[in-house]
Each structure stands twice: as C-alpha cells, then as structure tokens.
Amino acid sequence: MLGLSELKKTRVYQEAKEEGKLEGQLEAVPFMLSLGATVEQIAETLGLEIEQVRQVAQNNQSNRK
C-alpha cells in the first residue's frame, strides 16, 4: 500500500495538483480585473499566458450579459 509520501510522487498526484493550481489561478482573474488590473499584469502576477487571461476575461464578460 502506498504511503502519503509515495503517493505525492506519482504522476497522477502531480497532474491533479497542477490542475487544481491552474483552476485557482484562473478563478482569481475576474476578481483581479474588477480591481483594475490589466490582462498583462494579471498574467505576470499569476504566471499565466496572456491568452489564458484574455479568454477568462472574455468568458466572464459574456456571462454578465
């Protein structure tokens, strides 16, 4: 049976961890936009691609309509 330390070393665990991190970063985008941050500032702060931030911003704007 795998212990916690061994589980954390598995590819599945690492991929799930990264996916969760990305989701959290993307969820922060609308809030940061509401504070007046630019797409470029958000991308740099969160370590995301500018296109990822633009996509979230567009989706957020569409959902408001």
C-alpha atoms as a PDB file:
ATOM      1  CA  MET A   1       0.000   0.000   0.000  1.00  0.00           C
ATOM      2  CA  LEU A   2       1.260   3.479  -0.888  1.00  0.00           C
ATOM      3  CA  GLY A   3       2.068   5.893   1.893  1.00  0.00           C
ATOM      4  CA  LEU A   4       1.336   9.602   1.557  1.00  0.00           C
ATOM      5  CA  SER A   5       4.901  10.500   0.621  1.00  0.00           C
ATOM      6  CA  GLU A   6       4.943   7.856  -2.129  1.00  0.00           C
ATOM      7  CA  LEU A   7       1.533   8.981  -3.381  1.00  0.00           C
ATOM      8  CA  LYS A   8       2.733  12.576  -3.711  1.00  0.00           C
ATOM      9  CA  LYS A   9       5.496  11.391  -6.029  1.00  0.00           C
ATOM     10  CA  THR A  10       3.137   9.781  -8.534  1.00  0.00           C
ATOM     11  CA  ARG A  11       2.410  11.371 -11.891  1.00  0.00           C
ATOM     12  CA  VAL A  12      -1.337  11.254 -11.251  1.00  0.00           C
ATOM     13  CA  TYR A  13      -0.974  13.176  -7.995  1.00  0.00           C
ATOM     14  CA  GLN A  14       1.341  15.756  -9.580  1.00  0.00           C
ATOM     15  CA  GLU A  15      -1.008  16.307 -12.532  1.00  0.00           C
ATOM     16  CA  ALA A  16      -4.022  16.704 -10.252  1.00  0.00           C
ATOM     17  CA  LYS A  17      -2.109  19.165  -8.092  1.00  0.00           C
ATOM     18  CA  GLU A  18      -1.117  21.269 -11.109  1.00  0.00           C
ATOM     19  CA  GLU A  19      -4.665  21.191 -12.491  1.00  0.00           C
ATOM     20  CA  GLY A  20      -6.040  22.426  -9.189  1.00  0.00           C
ATOM     21  CA  LYS A  21      -3.445  25.180  -9.068  1.00  0.00           C
ATOM     22  CA  LEU A  22      -4.351  26.351 -12.559  1.00  0.00           C
ATOM     23  CA  GLU A  23      -8.062  26.356 -11.745  1.00  0.00           C
ATOM     24  CA  GLY A  24      -7.407  28.506  -8.696  1.00  0.00           C
ATOM     25  CA  GLN A  25      -5.346  30.946 -10.713  1.00  0.00           C
ATOM     26  CA  LEU A  26      -7.999  31.219 -13.400  1.00  0.00           C
ATOM     27  CA  GLU A  27     -10.710  31.800 -10.799  1.00  0.00           C
ATOM     28  CA  ALA A  28      -8.737  34.800  -9.497  1.00  0.00           C
ATOM     29  CA  VAL A  29      -8.760  36.559 -12.881  1.00  0.00           C
ATOM     30  CA  PRO A  30     -12.259  38.146 -12.705  1.00  0.00           C
ATOM     31  CA  PHE A  31     -11.552  39.467  -9.211  1.00  0.00           C
ATOM     32  CA  MET A  32      -8.244  40.978 -10.284  1.00  0.00           C
ATOM     33  CA  LEU A  33      -9.912  42.567 -13.301  1.00  0.00           C
ATOM     34  CA  SER A  34     -12.537  44.102 -11.015  1.00  0.00           C
ATOM     35  CA  LEU A  35      -9.694  45.684  -9.033  1.00  0.00           C
ATOM     36  CA  GLY A  36      -8.477  47.360 -12.208  1.00  0.00           C
ATOM     37  CA  ALA A  37      -5.513  45.139 -13.063  1.00  0.00           C
ATOM     38  CA  THR A  38      -4.677  44.777 -16.733  1.00  0.00           C
ATOM     39  CA  VAL A  39      -4.581  41.469 -18.556  1.00  0.00           C
ATOM     40  CA  GLU A  40      -0.804  41.768 -18.778  1.00  0.00           C
ATOM     41  CA  GLN A  41      -0.435  42.489 -15.055  1.00  0.00           C
ATOM     42  CA  ILE A  42      -2.628  39.520 -14.155  1.00  0.00           C
ATOM     43  CA  ALA A  43      -0.732  37.172 -16.455  1.00  0.00           C
ATOM     44  CA  GLU A  44       2.598  38.255 -14.995  1.00  0.00           C
ATOM     45  CA  THR A  45       1.395  38.067 -11.385  1.00  0.00           C
ATOM     46  CA  LEU A  46      -0.193  34.631 -11.706  1.00  0.00           C
ATOM     47  CA  GLY A  47       2.385  33.174 -14.095  1.00  0.00           C
ATOM     48  CA  LEU A  48      -0.180  32.597 -16.826  1.00  0.00           C
ATOM     49  CA  GLU A  49      -0.121  33.154 -20.557  1.00  0.00           C
ATOM     50  CA  ILE A  50      -1.734  36.433 -21.652  1.00  0.00           C
ATOM     51  CA  GLU A  51      -4.089  34.476 -23.922  1.00  0.00           C
ATOM     52  CA  GLN A  52      -5.337  32.398 -20.964  1.00  0.00           C
ATOM     53  CA  VAL A  53      -6.189  35.568 -19.056  1.00  0.00           C
ATOM     54  CA  ARG A  54      -7.887  37.129 -22.100  1.00  0.00           C
ATOM     55  CA  GLN A  55     -10.008  34.025 -22.567  1.00  0.00           C
ATOM     56  CA  VAL A  56     -11.199  34.088 -18.940  1.00  0.00           C
ATOM     57  CA  ALA A  57     -11.877  37.819 -19.200  1.00  0.00           C
ATOM     58  CA  GLN A  58     -13.975  37.320 -22.343  1.00  0.00           C
ATOM     59  CA  ASN A  59     -15.914  34.427 -20.811  1.00  0.00           C
ATOM     60  CA  ASN A  60     -16.541  36.464 -17.676  1.00  0.00           C
ATOM     61  CA  GLN A  61     -17.777  39.402 -19.735  1.00  0.00           C
ATOM     62  CA  SER A  62     -20.092  37.138 -21.767  1.00  0.00           C
ATOM     63  CA  ASN A  63     -21.571  35.630 -18.604  1.00  0.00           C
ATOM     64  CA  ARG A  64     -22.515  39.076 -17.300  1.00  0.00           C
ATOM     65  CA  LYS A  65     -24.741  39.832 -20.288  1.00  0.00           C
END
